[in-house]
Amino acid sequence: MGRRRVGSGRCFRVGALVVGGILLLAVLVACARQQASSTAPSGVTSYSNLSRNHTEGAVDYAQNPPVGGAHSPQWQNCGIYSAPVRNENAVHSMEHGAVWITYRPDLPQEQVDKLRDLAHSQSYVLVSPYTYRGLPSPVVASAWGKQLKLDSANDPRLEQFVSAYREGPQTPEPGAPCTAGVGSPE
């Protein structure tokens, strides 16, 4: 009697299982990285029960800068601004899912450039200097109902905040535009 040879079908099945296992592992690692990058950073303050009413007038917001509340019927176009933008328009952009990054006008240029690079690399980010009531820290990242005060644009929590809250689960009007509003970003 002859010896039975291992068929090529078995080798193919084993190879397919190995390749499938490697692909599954790669998907799991990618998902874990994405989840880690979209986790809220430490130091975020949350606010609730924010009005979503439209108003033509100026609003006296409880937070500085604001994180939500009554706002202009027109949203601010997302992008980079070298001059301050109206709170009421920026709040409407946050209702649509934008992260508004404000900074003190005396922030070192290399840090302003870092903020610009961050805004250039993704949609639904609004960057502007802030002069209204004095910014409580050199850089403040705000999303609807969320805020993070930072001492520097180089703080890694800034990118983590943007990842967690740009068009995030707190967004009242997901999918609404951040273009075709008011303002001409750079």
Protein backbone atom coordinates (compact mmCIF):
# COMPACT_ATOMS: atom_id res chain seq x y z
CA MET A 1 0.00 0.00 0.00
CA GLY A 2 1.20 3.45 -0.87
CA ARG A 3 1.55 6.34 1.46
CA ARG A 4 -1.12 8.94 1.36
CA ARG A 5 0.11 12.33 0.28
CA VAL A 6 -1.07 15.51 1.92
CA GLY A 7 -3.17 17.24 -0.66
CA SER A 8 -2.64 20.76 -1.84
CA GLY A 9 -6.18 21.54 -0.63
CA ARG A 10 -5.11 21.16 3.00
CA CYS A 11 -2.09 23.45 2.51
CA PHE A 12 -4.37 26.02 0.91
CA ARG A 13 -6.80 25.89 3.87
CA VAL A 14 -3.99 26.28 6.39
CA GLY A 15 -2.52 29.17 4.40
CA ALA A 16 -5.92 30.84 4.17
CA LEU A 17 -6.41 30.51 7.94
CA VAL A 18 -2.99 32.04 8.61
CA VAL A 19 -3.61 34.96 6.24
CA GLY A 20 -7.11 35.45 7.68
CA GLY A 21 -5.70 35.49 11.21
CA ILE A 22 -3.11 38.10 10.25
CA LEU A 23 -5.78 40.28 8.61
CA LEU A 24 -8.04 39.96 11.66
CA LEU A 25 -5.18 40.97 13.93
CA ALA A 26 -4.40 44.00 11.72
CA VAL A 27 -8.06 45.11 11.83
CA LEU A 28 -8.19 44.74 15.61
CA VAL A 29 -5.00 46.79 16.06
CA ALA A 30 -6.32 49.52 13.74
CA CYS A 31 -9.63 49.65 15.62
CA ALA A 32 -7.85 49.85 18.97
CA ARG A 33 -5.68 52.73 17.71
CA GLN A 34 -8.72 54.59 16.36
CA GLN A 35 -10.59 54.11 19.62
CA ALA A 36 -7.58 55.30 21.63
CA SER A 37 -7.22 58.40 19.46
CA SER A 38 -10.92 59.27 19.81
CA THR A 39 -10.95 58.91 23.58
CA ALA A 40 -11.49 62.21 25.38
CA PRO A 41 -8.31 63.60 26.92
CA SER A 42 -7.99 64.41 30.60
CA GLY A 43 -9.05 67.89 31.68
CA VAL A 44 -12.17 68.24 29.52
CA THR A 45 -15.02 70.15 31.14
CA SER A 46 -18.54 69.19 30.05
CA TYR A 47 -21.61 71.44 29.93
CA SER A 48 -25.23 70.43 29.39
CA ASN A 49 -28.66 71.96 28.82
CA LEU A 50 -27.36 74.38 26.21
CA SER A 51 -29.95 76.32 24.23
CA ARG A 52 -30.04 75.73 20.50
CA ASN A 53 -32.18 78.77 19.71
CA HIS A 54 -31.28 81.14 16.89
CA THR A 55 -30.92 84.84 17.64
CA GLU A 56 -29.86 87.87 15.61
CA GLY A 57 -28.37 89.71 18.57
CA ALA A 58 -25.26 89.35 20.68
CA VAL A 59 -25.31 86.63 23.35
CA ASP A 60 -23.72 86.86 26.80
CA TYR A 61 -22.34 83.34 27.14
CA ALA A 62 -21.66 81.71 30.50
CA GLN A 63 -18.45 80.06 29.23
CA ASN A 64 -15.41 81.87 27.88
CA PRO A 65 -15.15 81.09 25.01
CA PRO A 66 -18.64 79.68 24.57
CA VAL A 67 -19.31 75.96 24.12
CA GLY A 68 -22.91 76.18 22.97
CA GLY A 69 -26.13 78.04 23.55
CA ALA A 70 -28.24 80.48 21.56
CA HIS A 71 -26.48 81.47 18.36
CA SER A 72 -26.69 83.19 15.00
CA PRO A 73 -28.76 81.56 12.26
CA GLN A 74 -25.55 81.71 10.14
CA TRP A 75 -22.63 79.43 10.95
CA GLN A 76 -18.97 80.40 10.58
CA ASN A 77 -17.19 78.68 7.71
CA CYS A 78 -14.64 76.30 9.17
CA GLY A 79 -10.99 77.02 8.57
CA ILE A 80 -8.32 79.41 9.79
CA TYR A 81 -8.86 83.06 10.64
CA SER A 82 -6.20 85.61 11.56
CA ALA A 83 -8.81 87.88 13.18
CA PRO A 84 -11.44 87.05 15.82
CA VAL A 85 -14.78 85.67 14.64
CA ARG A 86 -18.20 86.32 16.18
CA ASN A 87 -19.01 83.98 19.05
CA GLU A 88 -22.58 83.54 17.80
CA ASN A 89 -21.42 82.26 14.39
CA ALA A 90 -18.74 79.98 15.83
CA VAL A 91 -21.27 78.45 18.25
CA HIS A 92 -23.49 77.57 15.28
CA SER A 93 -20.49 75.83 13.66
CA MET A 94 -19.99 73.80 16.84
CA GLU A 95 -23.66 72.79 16.67
CA HIS A 96 -22.75 71.30 13.27
CA GLY A 97 -19.82 69.35 14.73
CA ALA A 98 -16.92 71.81 14.51
CA VAL A 99 -14.14 72.09 17.07
CA TRP A 100 -13.31 75.77 17.65
CA ILE A 101 -9.71 76.32 18.68
CA THR A 102 -9.14 79.80 20.07
CA TYR A 103 -5.81 81.29 21.05
CA ARG A 104 -4.44 84.43 22.64
CA PRO A 105 -3.22 86.97 20.08
CA ASP A 106 0.25 86.93 21.69
CA LEU A 107 0.66 83.17 21.22
CA PRO A 108 4.14 82.49 19.72
CA GLN A 109 4.02 82.20 15.93
CA GLU A 110 5.37 78.63 15.93
CA GLN A 111 2.37 77.58 18.03
CA VAL A 112 -0.07 79.49 15.79
CA ASP A 113 1.49 77.64 12.85
CA LYS A 114 0.89 74.32 14.64
CA LEU A 115 -2.80 75.25 15.04
CA ARG A 116 -2.99 76.17 11.36
CA ASP A 117 -1.43 72.84 10.38
CA LEU A 118 -3.98 71.02 12.51
CA ALA A 119 -6.86 72.91 10.87
CA HIS A 120 -5.47 72.40 7.35
CA SER A 121 -5.30 68.65 7.84
CA GLN A 122 -9.02 68.11 8.55
CA SER A 123 -12.51 69.49 8.09
CA TYR A 124 -14.81 70.77 10.84
CA VAL A 125 -12.03 72.67 12.61
CA LEU A 126 -12.23 76.43 13.18
CA VAL A 127 -9.15 78.33 14.41
CA SER A 128 -9.10 81.99 15.42
CA PRO A 129 -7.54 84.40 17.89
CA TYR A 130 -9.85 85.34 20.76
CA THR A 131 -10.03 88.80 22.28
CA TYR A 132 -13.53 89.17 23.74
CA ARG A 133 -13.21 88.69 27.49
CA GLY A 134 -9.64 87.52 27.62
CA LEU A 135 -8.92 83.87 27.04
CA PRO A 136 -8.51 81.90 30.30
CA SER A 137 -5.45 80.05 28.92
CA PRO A 138 -3.19 80.48 25.86
CA VAL A 139 -5.16 77.91 23.81
CA VAL A 140 -8.73 76.69 24.34
CA ALA A 141 -10.39 73.90 22.35
CA SER A 142 -14.19 73.93 22.39
CA ALA A 143 -16.84 71.66 20.92
CA TRP A 144 -20.57 71.63 21.63
CA GLY A 145 -20.77 71.17 25.40
CA LYS A 146 -17.04 70.37 25.77
CA GLN A 147 -13.97 72.48 26.52
CA LEU A 148 -10.26 71.96 27.17
CA LYS A 149 -7.93 74.72 28.37
CA LEU A 150 -4.29 74.30 27.33
CA ASP A 151 -1.05 76.10 28.10
CA SER A 152 0.39 75.35 24.65
CA ALA A 153 -0.57 74.33 21.13
CA ASN A 154 2.05 71.59 21.55
CA ASP A 155 0.00 69.79 24.22
CA PRO A 156 -0.83 66.33 22.77
CA ARG A 157 -4.29 66.55 24.34
CA LEU A 158 -5.27 69.10 21.67
CA GLU A 159 -5.15 66.56 18.84
CA GLN A 160 -6.87 64.02 21.08
CA PHE A 161 -9.67 66.54 21.78
CA VAL A 162 -10.13 67.21 18.06
CA SER A 163 -10.21 63.47 17.34
CA ALA A 164 -12.76 62.82 20.08
CA TYR A 165 -15.14 65.72 19.44
CA ARG A 166 -14.87 66.81 15.78
CA GLU A 167 -18.24 65.65 14.46
CA GLY A 168 -18.41 63.64 17.68
CA PRO A 169 -21.32 62.08 19.55
CA GLN A 170 -22.09 65.37 21.35
CA THR A 171 -22.87 67.10 18.00
CA PRO A 172 -26.53 68.24 17.96
CA GLU A 173 -26.72 68.45 14.14
CA PRO A 174 -24.35 65.82 12.71
CA GLY A 175 -23.87 66.06 8.97
CA ALA A 176 -24.79 69.75 8.80
CA PRO A 177 -22.32 71.84 6.77
CA CYS A 178 -19.32 73.79 7.97
CA THR A 179 -19.06 75.64 4.65
CA ALA A 180 -21.39 78.01 2.76
CA GLY A 181 -21.85 80.10 5.90
CA VAL A 182 -20.19 83.39 6.79
CA GLY A 183 -16.53 84.33 6.76
CA SER A 184 -13.61 83.75 4.45
CA PRO A 185 -11.02 81.48 6.03
CA GLU A 186 -7.41 81.69 4.86
